[in-house]
């Protein structure tokens, strides 16, 4: 599997604005983009996830990171996805499989709430 796609993973957080107020913001958990393997789930996988209570559309595979959690957002090819679950593949620290669904309109962060990494 070749990790040849670029994604950005965002976390909902609180940051201080220019006058010191704490505001909700969406911030990348990494500088730049992450290399990932991305694919749409097959119908069989899609329906299997549905029976388990998930509505997943995509699978992203990235190098192992400790800071990726369900509920975070992925931006990929001008589309937002919400991470439903993270599969650590038997506990090995090699790859993470991120199963995600396309974000509903209400889950997409407004442009003014997206802040750069490290702010």
PDB file of N, CA and C in Angstrom:
ATOM      1  N   UNK A   1       0.851  -1.168   0.000  1.00  0.00           N
ATOM      2  CA  UNK A   1       0.000   0.000   0.000  1.00  0.00           C
ATOM      3  C   UNK A   1       0.899   1.234   0.000  1.00  0.00           C
ATOM      4  N   UNK A   2       0.652   2.103  -0.938  1.00  0.00           N
ATOM      5  CA  UNK A   2       1.473   3.298  -1.103  1.00  0.00           C
ATOM      6  C   UNK A   2       0.746   4.496  -0.506  1.00  0.00           C
ATOM      7  N   UNK A   3       1.415   5.190   0.377  1.00  0.00           N
ATOM      8  CA  UNK A   3       0.844   6.404   0.981  1.00  0.00           C
ATOM      9  C   UNK A   3       1.215   7.578   0.073  1.00  0.00           C
ATOM     10  N   UNK A   4       0.368   7.814  -0.925  1.00  0.00           N
ATOM     11  CA  UNK A   4       0.680   8.823  -1.931  1.00  0.00           C
ATOM     12  C   UNK A   4      -0.340   9.959  -2.008  1.00  0.00           C
ATOM     13  N   UNK A   5      -1.186  10.069  -1.009  1.00  0.00           N
ATOM     14  CA  UNK A   5      -2.184  11.145  -0.955  1.00  0.00           C
ATOM     15  C   UNK A   5      -1.862  12.060   0.218  1.00  0.00           C
ATOM     16  N   UNK A   6      -2.198  13.328   0.082  1.00  0.00           N
ATOM     17  CA  UNK A   6      -1.957  14.303   1.147  1.00  0.00           C
ATOM     18  C   UNK A   6      -3.264  14.614   1.867  1.00  0.00           C
ATOM     19  N   UNK A   7      -3.230  14.515   3.209  1.00  0.00           N
ATOM     20  CA  UNK A   7      -4.393  14.862   4.020  1.00  0.00           C
ATOM     21  C   UNK A   7      -3.953  15.809   5.131  1.00  0.00           C
ATOM     22  N   UNK A   8      -4.918  16.504   5.694  1.00  0.00           N
ATOM     23  CA  UNK A   8      -4.679  17.338   6.876  1.00  0.00           C
ATOM     24  C   UNK A   8      -5.688  16.894   7.929  1.00  0.00           C
ATOM     25  N   UNK A   9      -5.207  16.646   9.142  1.00  0.00           N
ATOM     26  CA  UNK A   9      -6.077  16.232  10.241  1.00  0.00           C
ATOM     27  C   UNK A   9      -6.213  17.397  11.207  1.00  0.00           C
ATOM     28  N   UNK A  10      -7.456  17.769  11.504  1.00  0.00           N
ATOM     29  CA  UNK A  10      -7.753  18.906  12.375  1.00  0.00           C
ATOM     30  C   UNK A  10      -8.362  18.439  13.688  1.00  0.00           C
ATOM     31  N   UNK A  11      -8.032  19.155  14.735  1.00  0.00           N
ATOM     32  CA  UNK A  11      -8.594  18.917  16.061  1.00  0.00           C
ATOM     33  C   UNK A  11      -9.351  20.169  16.497  1.00  0.00           C
ATOM     34  N   UNK A  12     -10.522  19.982  17.076  1.00  0.00           N
ATOM     35  CA  UNK A  12     -11.276  21.110  17.623  1.00  0.00           C
ATOM     36  C   UNK A  12     -10.633  21.490  18.951  1.00  0.00           C
ATOM     37  N   UNK A  13     -10.325  22.758  19.120  1.00  0.00           N
ATOM     38  CA  UNK A  13      -9.615  23.214  20.310  1.00  0.00           C
ATOM     39  C   UNK A  13     -10.053  24.628  20.673  1.00  0.00           C
ATOM     40  N   UNK A  14      -9.501  25.156  21.717  1.00  0.00           N
ATOM     41  CA  UNK A  14      -9.740  26.540  22.135  1.00  0.00           C
ATOM     42  C   UNK A  14      -8.427  27.306  22.004  1.00  0.00           C
ATOM     43  N   UNK A  15      -8.464  28.464  21.355  1.00  0.00           N
ATOM     44  CA  UNK A  15      -7.284  29.321  21.222  1.00  0.00           C
ATOM     45  C   UNK A  15      -7.670  30.745  21.605  1.00  0.00           C
ATOM     46  N   UNK A  16      -6.671  31.547  21.900  1.00  0.00           N
ATOM     47  CA  UNK A  16      -6.931  32.950  22.212  1.00  0.00           C
ATOM     48  C   UNK A  16      -6.902  33.768  20.932  1.00  0.00           C
ATOM     49  N   UNK A  17      -7.898  34.652  20.799  1.00  0.00           N
ATOM     50  CA  UNK A  17      -7.914  35.538  19.642  1.00  0.00           C
ATOM     51  C   UNK A  17      -7.001  36.735  19.904  1.00  0.00           C
ATOM     52  N   UNK A  18      -7.042  37.722  19.006  1.00  0.00           N
ATOM     53  CA  UNK A  18      -6.137  38.870  19.086  1.00  0.00           C
ATOM     54  C   UNK A  18      -6.326  39.719  20.334  1.00  0.00           C
ATOM     55  N   UNK A  19      -7.524  39.677  20.929  1.00  0.00           N
ATOM     56  CA  UNK A  19      -7.754  40.500  22.126  1.00  0.00           C
ATOM     57  C   UNK A  19      -7.805  39.667  23.406  1.00  0.00           C
ATOM     58  N   UNK A  20      -7.422  38.394  23.306  1.00  0.00           N
ATOM     59  CA  UNK A  20      -7.304  37.572  24.503  1.00  0.00           C
ATOM     60  C   UNK A  20      -8.496  36.714  24.865  1.00  0.00           C
ATOM     61  N   UNK A  21      -9.557  36.753  24.064  1.00  0.00           N
ATOM     62  CA  UNK A  21     -10.726  35.904  24.327  1.00  0.00           C
ATOM     63  C   UNK A  21     -10.453  34.474  23.857  1.00  0.00           C
ATOM     64  N   UNK A  22     -10.973  33.504  24.598  1.00  0.00           N
ATOM     65  CA  UNK A  22     -10.860  32.111  24.178  1.00  0.00           C
ATOM     66  C   UNK A  22     -11.976  31.800  23.193  1.00  0.00           C
ATOM     67  N   UNK A  23     -11.607  31.291  22.019  1.00  0.00           N
ATOM     68  CA  UNK A  23     -12.579  30.982  20.969  1.00  0.00           C
ATOM     69  C   UNK A  23     -12.344  29.561  20.451  1.00  0.00           C
ATOM     70  N   UNK A  24     -13.407  28.960  19.928  1.00  0.00           N
ATOM     71  CA  UNK A  24     -13.301  27.633  19.322  1.00  0.00           C
ATOM     72  C   UNK A  24     -12.575  27.748  17.995  1.00  0.00           C
ATOM     73  N   UNK A  25     -11.662  26.823  17.762  1.00  0.00           N
ATOM     74  CA  UNK A  25     -10.906  26.829  16.512  1.00  0.00           C
ATOM     75  C   UNK A  25     -10.601  25.393  16.100  1.00  0.00           C
ATOM     76  N   UNK A  26     -10.308  25.228  14.834  1.00  0.00           N
ATOM     77  CA  UNK A  26      -9.892  23.939  14.292  1.00  0.00           C
ATOM     78  C   UNK A  26      -8.458  24.105  13.824  1.00  0.00           C
ATOM     79  N   UNK A  27      -7.581  23.286  14.384  1.00  0.00           N
ATOM     80  CA  UNK A  27      -6.151  23.444  14.157  1.00  0.00           C
ATOM     81  C   UNK A  27      -5.551  22.115  13.699  1.00  0.00           C
ATOM     82  N   UNK A  28      -4.671  22.144  12.690  1.00  0.00           N
ATOM     83  CA  UNK A  28      -4.005  20.899  12.292  1.00  0.00           C
ATOM     84  C   UNK A  28      -3.193  20.336  13.457  1.00  0.00           C
ATOM     85  N   UNK A  29      -3.120  19.016  13.548  1.00  0.00           N
ATOM     86  CA  UNK A  29      -2.334  18.394  14.615  1.00  0.00           C
ATOM     87  C   UNK A  29      -0.889  18.182  14.167  1.00  0.00           C
ATOM     88  N   UNK A  30      -0.557  18.647  12.968  1.00  0.00           N
ATOM     89  CA  UNK A  30       0.775  18.449  12.398  1.00  0.00           C
ATOM     90  C   UNK A  30       1.085  19.611  11.462  1.00  0.00           C
ATOM     91  N   UNK A  31       2.362  19.925  11.262  1.00  0.00           N
ATOM     92  CA  UNK A  31       2.698  20.941  10.260  1.00  0.00           C
ATOM     93  C   UNK A  31       2.513  20.368   8.850  1.00  0.00           C
ATOM     94  N   UNK A  32       2.106  21.190   7.912  1.00  0.00           N
ATOM     95  CA  UNK A  32       1.940  20.732   6.538  1.00  0.00           C
ATOM     96  C   UNK A  32       0.863  19.677   6.394  1.00  0.00           C
ATOM     97  N   UNK A  33       1.107  18.721   5.508  1.00  0.00           N
ATOM     98  CA  UNK A  33       0.166  17.628   5.239  1.00  0.00           C
ATOM     99  C   UNK A  33       0.790  16.301   5.644  1.00  0.00           C
ATOM    100  N   UNK A  34      -0.060  15.301   5.836  1.00  0.00           N
ATOM    101  CA  UNK A  34       0.408  13.941   6.106  1.00  0.00           C
ATOM    102  C   UNK A  34       0.242  13.102   4.849  1.00  0.00           C
ATOM    103  N   UNK A  35       1.206  12.229   4.608  1.00  0.00           N
ATOM    104  CA  UNK A  35       1.051  11.262   3.530  1.00  0.00           C
ATOM    105  C   UNK A  35       0.126  10.154   4.008  1.00  0.00           C
ATOM    106  N   UNK A  36      -0.795   9.757   3.149  1.00  0.00           N
ATOM    107  CA  UNK A  36      -1.768   8.737   3.530  1.00  0.00           C
ATOM    108  C   UNK A  36      -2.133   7.877   2.328  1.00  0.00           C
ATOM    109  N   UNK A  37      -2.541   6.670   2.625  1.00  0.00           N
ATOM    110  CA  UNK A  37      -3.202   5.815   1.649  1.00  0.00           C
ATOM    111  C   UNK A  37      -4.690   6.069   1.848  1.00  0.00           C
ATOM    112  N   UNK A  38      -5.412   6.354   0.781  1.00  0.00           N
ATOM    113  CA  UNK A  38      -6.839   6.666   0.899  1.00  0.00           C
ATOM    114  C   UNK A  38      -7.619   5.811  -0.091  1.00  0.00           C
ATOM    115  N   UNK A  39      -8.733   5.283   0.403  1.00  0.00           N
ATOM    116  CA  UNK A  39      -9.618   4.538  -0.495  1.00  0.00           C
ATOM    117  C   UNK A  39     -11.041   4.586   0.028  1.00  0.00           C
ATOM    118  N   UNK A  40     -11.960   4.482  -0.917  1.00  0.00           N
ATOM    119  CA  UNK A  40     -13.370   4.402  -0.554  1.00  0.00           C
ATOM    120  C   UNK A  40     -13.658   2.970  -0.115  1.00  0.00           C
ATOM    121  N   UNK A  41     -14.479   2.813   0.916  1.00  0.00           N
ATOM    122  CA  UNK A  41     -14.816   1.474   1.392  1.00  0.00           C
ATOM    123  C   UNK A  41     -15.654   0.732   0.358  1.00  0.00           C
ATOM    124  N   UNK A  42     -15.466  -0.574   0.282  1.00  0.00           N
ATOM    125  CA  UNK A  42     -16.286  -1.393  -0.607  1.00  0.00           C
ATOM    126  C   UNK A  42     -17.703  -1.467  -0.038  1.00  0.00           C
ATOM    127  N   UNK A  43     -18.642  -1.908  -0.854  1.00  0.00           N
ATOM    128  CA  UNK A  43     -20.024  -2.048  -0.378  1.00  0.00           C
ATOM    129  C   UNK A  43     -20.094  -3.008   0.804  1.00  0.00           C
ATOM    130  N   UNK A  44     -19.338  -4.092   0.743  1.00  0.00           N
ATOM    131  CA  UNK A  44     -19.332  -5.072   1.829  1.00  0.00           C
ATOM    132  C   UNK A  44     -18.849  -4.419   3.128  1.00  0.00           C
ATOM    133  N   UNK A  45     -17.751  -3.661   3.053  1.00  0.00           N
ATOM    134  CA  UNK A  45     -17.221  -2.981   4.243  1.00  0.00           C
ATOM    135  C   UNK A  45     -18.185  -1.909   4.738  1.00  0.00           C
ATOM    136  N   UNK A  46     -18.797  -1.197   3.790  1.00  0.00           N
ATOM    137  CA  UNK A  46     -19.739  -0.134   4.131  1.00  0.00           C
ATOM    138  C   UNK A  46     -20.920  -0.698   4.925  1.00  0.00           C
ATOM    139  N   UNK A  47     -21.497  -1.802   4.439  1.00  0.00           N
ATOM    140  CA  UNK A  47     -22.645  -2.395   5.125  1.00  0.00           C
ATOM    141  C   UNK A  47     -22.242  -3.058   6.437  1.00  0.00           C
ATOM    142  N   UNK A  48     -21.046  -3.638   6.495  1.00  0.00           N
ATOM    143  CA  UNK A  48     -20.565  -4.228   7.752  1.00  0.00           C
ATOM    144  C   UNK A  48     -20.388  -3.145   8.808  1.00  0.00           C
ATOM    145  N   UNK A  49     -19.862  -1.996   8.416  1.00  0.00           N
ATOM    146  CA  UNK A  49     -19.715  -0.884   9.363  1.00  0.00           C
ATOM    147  C   UNK A  49     -21.083  -0.395   9.811  1.00  0.00           C
ATOM    148  N   UNK A  50     -22.044  -0.388   8.894  1.00  0.00           N
ATOM    149  CA  UNK A  50     -23.396   0.051   9.237  1.00  0.00           C
ATOM    150  C   UNK A  50     -24.058  -0.838  10.270  1.00  0.00           C
ATOM    151  N   UNK A  51     -23.813  -2.143  10.190  1.00  0.00           N
ATOM    152  CA  UNK A  51     -24.405  -3.041  11.183  1.00  0.00           C
ATOM    153  C   UNK A  51     -23.768  -2.856  12.552  1.00  0.00           C
ATOM    154  N   UNK A  52     -22.552  -2.336  12.586  1.00  0.00           N
ATOM    155  CA  UNK A  52     -21.874  -2.069  13.867  1.00  0.00           C
ATOM    156  C   UNK A  52     -22.206  -0.673  14.393  1.00  0.00           C
ATOM    157  N   UNK A  53     -23.045   0.056  13.664  1.00  0.00           N
ATOM    158  CA  UNK A  53     -23.465   1.375  14.129  1.00  0.00           C
ATOM    159  C   UNK A  53     -22.660   2.530  13.566  1.00  0.00           C
ATOM    160  N   UNK A  54     -21.793   2.273  12.596  1.00  0.00           N
ATOM    161  CA  UNK A  54     -20.991   3.329  11.982  1.00  0.00           C
ATOM    162  C   UNK A  54     -21.502   3.585  10.571  1.00  0.00           C
ATOM    163  N   UNK A  55     -21.295   4.808  10.086  1.00  0.00           N
ATOM    164  CA  UNK A  55     -21.597   5.126   8.690  1.00  0.00           C
ATOM    165  C   UNK A  55     -20.303   5.636   8.070  1.00  0.00           C
ATOM    166  N   UNK A  56     -19.466   4.717   7.678  1.00  0.00           N
ATOM    167  CA  UNK A  56     -18.142   5.072   7.174  1.00  0.00           C
ATOM    168  C   UNK A  56     -18.110   5.023   5.657  1.00  0.00           C
ATOM    169  N   UNK A  57     -17.406   5.992   5.065  1.00  0.00           N
ATOM    170  CA  UNK A  57     -17.269   6.068   3.619  1.00  0.00           C
ATOM    171  C   UNK A  57     -15.848   5.783   3.152  1.00  0.00           C
ATOM    172  N   UNK A  58     -14.870   6.217   3.955  1.00  0.00           N
ATOM    173  CA  UNK A  58     -13.471   6.198   3.531  1.00  0.00           C
ATOM    174  C   UNK A  58     -12.578   5.544   4.572  1.00  0.00           C
ATOM    175  N   UNK A  59     -11.469   5.017   4.077  1.00  0.00           N
ATOM    176  CA  UNK A  59     -10.410   4.526   4.957  1.00  0.00           C
ATOM    177  C   UNK A  59      -9.136   5.266   4.584  1.00  0.00           C
ATOM    178  N   UNK A  60      -8.489   5.838   5.574  1.00  0.00           N
ATOM    179  CA  UNK A  60      -7.196   6.486   5.404  1.00  0.00           C
ATOM    180  C   UNK A  60      -6.189   5.713   6.246  1.00  0.00           C
ATOM    181  N   UNK A  61      -5.027   5.430   5.691  1.00  0.00           N
ATOM    182  CA  UNK A  61      -3.965   4.776   6.449  1.00  0.00           C
ATOM    183  C   UNK A  61      -2.789   5.734   6.516  1.00  0.00           C
ATOM    184  N   UNK A  62      -2.353   6.030   7.729  1.00  0.00           N
ATOM    185  CA  UNK A  62      -1.235   6.957   7.960  1.00  0.00           C
ATOM    186  C   UNK A  62      -0.204   6.267   8.846  1.00  0.00           C
ATOM    187  N   UNK A  63       0.993   6.839   8.896  1.00  0.00           N
ATOM    188  CA  UNK A  63       1.993   6.337   9.834  1.00  0.00           C
ATOM    189  C   UNK A  63       1.476   6.520  11.249  1.00  0.00           C
ATOM    190  N   UNK A  64       1.888   5.642  12.135  1.00  0.00           N
ATOM    191  CA  UNK A  64       1.392   5.638  13.512  1.00  0.00           C
ATOM    192  C   UNK A  64       1.655   6.972  14.192  1.00  0.00           C
ATOM    193  N   UNK A  65       0.624   7.469  14.863  1.00  0.00           N
ATOM    194  CA  UNK A  65       0.712   8.687  15.680  1.00  0.00           C
ATOM    195  C   UNK A  65      -0.127   8.467  16.923  1.00  0.00           C
ATOM    196  N   UNK A  66       0.316   9.009  18.005  1.00  0.00           N
ATOM    197  CA  UNK A  66      -0.396   8.861  19.276  1.00  0.00           C
ATOM    198  C   UNK A  66      -1.590   9.808  19.385  1.00  0.00           C
ATOM    199  N   UNK A  67      -1.582  10.917  18.642  1.00  0.00           N
ATOM    200  CA  UNK A  67      -2.534  12.005  18.879  1.00  0.00           C
ATOM    201  C   UNK A  67      -3.779  11.987  18.002  1.00  0.00           C
ATOM    202  N   UNK A  68      -4.032  10.938  17.256  1.00  0.00           N
ATOM    203  CA  UNK A  68      -5.221  10.878  16.399  1.00  0.00           C
ATOM    204  C   UNK A  68      -6.336  10.151  17.140  1.00  0.00           C
ATOM    205  N   UNK A  69      -7.502  10.806  17.197  1.00  0.00           N
ATOM    206  CA  UNK A  69      -8.634  10.276  17.962  1.00  0.00           C
ATOM    207  C   UNK A  69      -9.924  10.363  17.131  1.00  0.00           C
ATOM    208  N   UNK A  70     -10.914   9.527  17.456  1.00  0.00           N
ATOM    209  CA  UNK A  70     -12.223   9.674  16.811  1.00  0.00           C
ATOM    210  C   UNK A  70     -12.793  11.071  17.074  1.00  0.00           C
ATOM    211  N   UNK A  71     -13.518  11.584  16.098  1.00  0.00           N
ATOM    212  CA  UNK A  71     -14.106  12.915  16.216  1.00  0.00           C
ATOM    213  C   UNK A  71     -13.284  13.995  15.538  1.00  0.00           C
ATOM    214  N   UNK A  72     -12.009  13.716  15.266  1.00  0.00           N
ATOM    215  CA  UNK A  72     -11.186  14.692  14.555  1.00  0.00           C
ATOM    216  C   UNK A  72     -11.631  14.750  13.100  1.00  0.00           C
ATOM    217  N   UNK A  73     -11.245  15.815  12.418  1.00  0.00           N
ATOM    218  CA  UNK A  73     -11.636  16.021  11.026  1.00  0.00           C
ATOM    219  C   UNK A  73     -10.457  15.793  10.094  1.00  0.00           C
ATOM    220  N   UNK A  74     -10.743  15.225   8.936  1.00  0.00           N
ATOM    221  CA  UNK A  74      -9.743  15.049   7.882  1.00  0.00           C
ATOM    222  C   UNK A  74     -10.178  15.891   6.695  1.00  0.00           C
ATOM    223  N   UNK A  75      -9.235  16.650   6.134  1.00  0.00           N
ATOM    224  CA  UNK A  75      -9.497  17.399   4.909  1.00  0.00           C
ATOM    225  C   UNK A  75      -8.721  16.712   3.788  1.00  0.00           C
ATOM    226  N   UNK A  76      -9.457  16.224   2.782  1.00  0.00           N
ATOM    227  CA  UNK A  76      -8.849  15.476   1.684  1.00  0.00           C
ATOM    228  C   UNK A  76      -9.595  15.791   0.395  1.00  0.00           C
ATOM    229  N   UNK A  77      -8.867  16.262  -0.596  1.00  0.00           N
ATOM    230  CA  UNK A  77      -9.428  16.592  -1.915  1.00  0.00           C
ATOM    231  C   UNK A  77     -10.674  17.465  -1.816  1.00  0.00           C
ATOM    232  N   UNK A  78     -10.541  18.530  -1.054  1.00  0.00           N
ATOM    233  CA  UNK A  78     -11.587  19.536  -0.895  1.00  0.00           C
ATOM    234  C   UNK A  78     -12.862  18.990  -0.253  1.00  0.00           C
ATOM    235  N   UNK A  79     -12.744  17.895   0.482  1.00  0.00           N
ATOM    236  CA  UNK A  79     -13.873  17.300   1.193  1.00  0.00           C
ATOM    237  C   UNK A  79     -13.474  17.068   2.637  1.00  0.00           C
ATOM    238  N   UNK A  80     -14.408  17.310   3.546  1.00  0.00           N
ATOM    239  CA  UNK A  80     -14.186  17.090   4.973  1.00  0.00           C
ATOM    240  C   UNK A  80     -14.752  15.740   5.379  1.00  0.00           C
ATOM    241  N   UNK A  81     -14.010  15.032   6.226  1.00  0.00           N
ATOM    242  CA  UNK A  81     -14.434  13.745   6.771  1.00  0.00           C
ATOM    243  C   UNK A  81     -14.286  13.780   8.289  1.00  0.00           C
ATOM    244  N   UNK A  82     -15.157  13.051   8.982  1.00  0.00           N
ATOM    245  CA  UNK A  82     -15.090  12.922  10.440  1.00  0.00           C
ATOM    246  C   UNK A  82     -14.584  11.516  10.753  1.00  0.00           C
ATOM    247  N   UNK A  83     -13.556  11.419  11.576  1.00  0.00           N
ATOM    248  CA  UNK A  83     -13.015  10.112  11.955  1.00  0.00           C
ATOM    249  C   UNK A  83     -13.984   9.433  12.917  1.00  0.00           C
ATOM    250  N   UNK A  84     -14.477   8.256  12.526  1.00  0.00           N
ATOM    251  CA  UNK A  84     -15.378   7.468  13.371  1.00  0.00           C
ATOM    252  C   UNK A  84     -14.607   6.557  14.313  1.00  0.00           C
ATOM    253  N   UNK A  85     -13.589   5.920  13.772  1.00  0.00           N
ATOM    254  CA  UNK A  85     -12.806   5.012  14.616  1.00  0.00           C
ATOM    255  C   UNK A  85     -11.386   4.915  14.088  1.00  0.00           C
ATOM    256  N   UNK A  86     -10.485   4.528  14.997  1.00  0.00           N
ATOM    257  CA  UNK A  86      -9.063   4.404  14.695  1.00  0.00           C
ATOM    258  C   UNK A  86      -8.657   2.964  14.987  1.00  0.00           C
ATOM    259  N   UNK A  87      -8.140   2.276  13.981  1.00  0.00           N
ATOM    260  CA  UNK A  87      -7.698   0.889  14.138  1.00  0.00           C
ATOM    261  C   UNK A  87      -6.177   0.882  14.224  1.00  0.00           C
ATOM    262  N   UNK A  88      -5.653   0.435  15.353  1.00  0.00           N
ATOM    263  CA  UNK A  88      -4.198   0.431  15.565  1.00  0.00           C
ATOM    264  C   UNK A  88      -3.531  -0.830  15.042  1.00  0.00           C
ATOM    265  N   UNK A  89      -4.256  -1.700  14.394  1.00  0.00           N
ATOM    266  CA  UNK A  89      -3.753  -2.947  13.830  1.00  0.00           C
ATOM    267  C   UNK A  89      -2.984  -3.759  14.857  1.00  0.00           C
ATOM    268  N   UNK A  90      -3.734  -4.377  15.730  1.00  0.00           N
ATOM    269  CA  UNK A  90      -3.213  -5.298  16.731  1.00  0.00           C
ATOM    270  C   UNK A  90      -2.214  -4.659  17.689  1.00  0.00           C
ATOM    271  N   UNK A  91      -2.283  -3.355  17.855  1.00  0.00           N
ATOM    272  CA  UNK A  91      -1.437  -2.676  18.826  1.00  0.00           C
ATOM    273  C   UNK A  91      -0.033  -2.353  18.358  1.00  0.00           C
ATOM    274  N   UNK A  92       0.307  -2.710  17.117  1.00  0.00           N
ATOM    275  CA  UNK A  92       1.640  -2.380  16.619  1.00  0.00           C
ATOM    276  C   UNK A  92       1.722  -0.901  16.291  1.00  0.00           C
ATOM    277  N   UNK A  93       2.882  -0.314  16.481  1.00  0.00           N
ATOM    278  CA  UNK A  93       3.064   1.111  16.214  1.00  0.00           C
ATOM    279  C   UNK A  93       3.651   1.305  14.817  1.00  0.00           C
ATOM    280  N   UNK A  94       2.914   0.866  13.807  1.00  0.00           N
ATOM    281  CA  UNK A  94       3.358   1.016  12.429  1.00  0.00           C
ATOM    282  C   UNK A  94       2.404   1.918  11.662  1.00  0.00           C
ATOM    283  N   UNK A  95       1.211   1.428  11.421  1.00  0.00           N
ATOM    284  CA  UNK A  95       0.209   2.187  10.679  1.00  0.00           C
ATOM    285  C   UNK A  95      -1.044   2.348  11.526  1.00  0.00           C
ATOM    286  N   UNK A  96      -1.799   3.387  11.189  1.00  0.00           N
ATOM    287  CA  UNK A  96      -3.128   3.583  11.764  1.00  0.00           C
ATOM    288  C   UNK A  96      -4.120   3.593  10.620  1.00  0.00           C
ATOM    289  N   UNK A  97      -5.187   2.841  10.760  1.00  0.00           N
ATOM    290  CA  UNK A  97      -6.283   2.911   9.798  1.00  0.00           C
ATOM    291  C   UNK A  97      -7.344   3.810  10.404  1.00  0.00           C
ATOM    292  N   UNK A  98      -7.684   4.853   9.670  1.00  0.00           N
ATOM    293  CA  UNK A  98      -8.690   5.814  10.115  1.00  0.00           C
ATOM    294  C   UNK A  98      -9.936   5.594   9.267  1.00  0.00           C
ATOM    295  N   UNK A  99     -11.017   5.212   9.904  1.00  0.00           N
ATOM    296  CA  UNK A  99     -12.279   5.013   9.206  1.00  0.00           C
ATOM    297  C   UNK A  99     -13.113   6.264   9.413  1.00  0.00           C
ATOM    298  N   UNK A 100     -13.578   6.846   8.310  1.00  0.00           N
ATOM    299  CA  UNK A 100     -14.228   8.149   8.394  1.00  0.00           C
ATOM    300  C   UNK A 100     -15.465   8.204   7.514  1.00  0.00           C
ATOM    301  N   UNK A 101     -16.339   9.135   7.870  1.00  0.00           N
ATOM    302  CA  UNK A 101     -17.533   9.399   7.059  1.00  0.00           C
ATOM    303  C   UNK A 101     -17.441  10.836   6.563  1.00  0.00           C
ATOM    304  N   UNK A 102     -18.096  11.098   5.449  1.00  0.00           N
ATOM    305  CA  UNK A 102     -18.118  12.460   4.936  1.00  0.00           C
ATOM    306  C   UNK A 102     -18.862  13.337   5.932  1.00  0.00           C
ATOM    307  N   UNK A 103     -18.293  14.494   6.216  1.00  0.00           N
ATOM    308  CA  UNK A 103     -18.863  15.391   7.220  1.00  0.00           C
ATOM    309  C   UNK A 103     -20.159  16.011   6.715  1.00  0.00           C
ATOM    310  N   UNK A 104     -21.137  16.096   7.607  1.00  0.00           N
ATOM    311  CA  UNK A 104     -22.371  16.816   7.310  1.00  0.00           C
ATOM    312  C   UNK A 104     -22.054  18.311   7.292  1.00  0.00           C
ATOM    313  N   UNK A 105     -22.904  19.089   6.676  1.00  0.00           N
ATOM    314  CA  UNK A 105     -22.663  20.532   6.564  1.00  0.00           C
ATOM    315  C   UNK A 105     -22.418  21.167   7.931  1.00  0.00           C
ATOM    316  N   UNK A 106     -23.148  20.744   8.951  1.00  0.00           N
ATOM    317  CA  UNK A 106     -22.999  21.321  10.294  1.00  0.00           C
ATOM    318  C   UNK A 106     -21.673  20.942  10.952  1.00  0.00           C
ATOM    319  N   UNK A 107     -21.001  19.895  10.461  1.00  0.00           N
ATOM    320  CA  UNK A 107     -19.727  19.451  11.036  1.00  0.00           C
ATOM    321  C   UNK A 107     -18.517  20.109  10.386  1.00  0.00           C
ATOM    322  N   UNK A 108     -18.722  20.780   9.264  1.00  0.00           N
ATOM    323  CA  UNK A 108     -17.616  21.429   8.553  1.00  0.00           C
ATOM    324  C   UNK A 108     -17.292  22.749   9.244  1.00  0.00           C
ATOM    325  N   UNK A 109     -16.025  22.948   9.615  1.00  0.00           N
ATOM    326  CA  UNK A 109     -15.688  24.184  10.324  1.00  0.00           C
ATOM    327  C   UNK A 109     -15.765  25.405   9.412  1.00  0.00           C
ATOM    328  N   UNK A 110     -16.296  26.520   9.939  1.00  0.00           N
ATOM    329  CA  UNK A 110     -16.290  27.756   9.167  1.00  0.00           C
ATOM    330  C   UNK A 110     -14.847  28.199   8.904  1.00  0.00           C
ATOM    331  N   UNK A 111     -14.621  28.845   7.785  1.00  0.00           N
ATOM    332  CA  UNK A 111     -13.265  29.256   7.405  1.00  0.00           C
ATOM    333  C   UNK A 111     -12.603  30.134   8.461  1.00  0.00           C
ATOM    334  N   UNK A 112     -13.390  30.958   9.162  1.00  0.00           N
ATOM    335  CA  UNK A 112     -12.792  31.851  10.160  1.00  0.00           C
ATOM    336  C   UNK A 112     -12.416  31.129  11.456  1.00  0.00           C
ATOM    337  N   UNK A 113     -12.779  29.843  11.594  1.00  0.00           N
ATOM    338  CA  UNK A 113     -12.409  29.072  12.783  1.00  0.00           C
ATOM    339  C   UNK A 113     -11.227  28.137  12.530  1.00  0.00           C
ATOM    340  N   UNK A 114     -10.679  28.153  11.321  1.00  0.00           N
ATOM    341  CA  UNK A 114      -9.515  27.326  11.008  1.00  0.00           C
ATOM    342  C   UNK A 114      -8.263  28.161  11.249  1.00  0.00           C
ATOM    343  N   UNK A 115      -7.396  27.651  12.118  1.00  0.00           N
ATOM    344  CA  UNK A 115      -6.157  28.372  12.454  1.00  0.00           C
ATOM    345  C   UNK A 115      -4.965  27.513  12.057  1.00  0.00           C
ATOM    346  N   UNK A 116      -3.818  28.146  11.786  1.00  0.00           N
ATOM    347  CA  UNK A 116      -2.640  27.377  11.380  1.00  0.00           C
ATOM    348  C   UNK A 116      -2.049  26.561  12.522  1.00  0.00           C
ATOM    349  N   UNK A 117      -1.258  25.587  12.165  1.00  0.00           N
ATOM    350  CA  UNK A 117      -0.568  24.737  13.137  1.00  0.00           C
ATOM    351  C   UNK A 117       0.327  25.595  14.036  1.00  0.00           C
ATOM    352  N   UNK A 118       0.301  25.284  15.310  1.00  0.00           N
ATOM    353  CA  UNK A 118       1.203  25.945  16.242  1.00  0.00           C
ATOM    354  C   UNK A 118       0.763  27.288  16.764  1.00  0.00           C
ATOM    355  N   UNK A 119      -0.415  27.743  16.396  1.00  0.00           N
ATOM    356  CA  UNK A 119      -0.861  29.052  16.888  1.00  0.00           C
ATOM    357  C   UNK A 119      -1.297  28.965  18.311  1.00  0.00           C
TER     358      UNK A 119
END
